[in-house]
């Protein structure tokens, strides 16, 4: 019997925020997972920012982080203005002109890998490859994974083979933008395989030095550790109630130092963590998560059935994510520090509401979204079944 040739899947993301990278990594993890009979595919993941000039990379990554942290209102304006701008407007022509620069190295890397399919988890590579397809520089199908509970027009590109949507509403918006219905698949947002199995709370809590019997709140600032985490943590710890607090500072070293100092003032009540690859184990210890409403983080929370208080959403995509979560009854929204304190008190005093939110979150979660995406790209429903 002739051995079936493995398909080669190339994942393209952009390191502007952690979510796009994590979505690509999740699909890659399923593709390369060995089920005893080999992996489902040969996969490679590239960050497009590794193939552009330093100035362009700074604009797309460092400037983005500074903008959403220091001038979120300006980012919100740019988000909405770029969505509403006609395709032939000067703003859109300028943006496309900038994004077409310096793609030779990326195209050479794509050609060297010889992919059977490409999955983009950011709109920039999708746009670059749309141009390459139009100029017949690329022959393989290109798929697009939208990583929020919203659809910005920049995700909509010509000649894409298919789109993966987080929800039915996002799929509806895709059809409204002219994407054929048969190219749209509602899969959810890809998250790592570890979230498909809920870790055991007692074991995880004991491993981190936490009391599994105490109510536990998890405060997250995203991969970049955005927000005044130490200030928020101090305010929470000043509340009445027998609860413990976990704070994830991401890659924000200054915030981690401040949190570790704060932990010394509240022995046994605060666990401060920097960047970690054990998020799912820390989430397993929690009863409530306070987080910015990024698409990936909130999808991870839903997969583990975690109620949320969404805090300081970035105007634009995160505000739309927050709206979706509130509508579904799995989150409350904190507009400022006072509102956050009120929301936390409310849920601590009404555990039945917290439990109802947990049930809704579990029902809404799509822990195997990455697996379903991969099965569709491979064109083999059996692949999805095997990966489950």
Foldseek 3Di string as FASTA:
>chain_A
DDDDDAFEEEEEEAQAFCQLVQLSVQLCCQQQDDLPPGGNHHYDYDHCLVQDDPVVSCVRHVVSVCCLQPPLVVVLVVQVCQQPDDCPDPVNVVVLVVLQPRCPVVLVVCVVSVGQEYEYSDLSVVANVLVCVVVVVDDHAYEYEDQFQADRCSNDGPRHQAYEHQDPVNLVVNVVVPDDNVRYHHQHGRHHLVLLDQDAQCVLQVVQVADLVAAEEEEEEGQQQGDQQLVLVVLQVPDDDGYAYEYERHQPPVSQVSQVVVCVVPPRRYHYHYHDPPVSSVLSSHLEYEYQQGRHVLLSCLSNLHAYEHESHRNHRSVSRVVVLVVLLRYHYADDSVSVNVVVVVCSVPVVSSVVSSVSSNVSHNNCSSLVVSCVSVVHVVSSVSSD
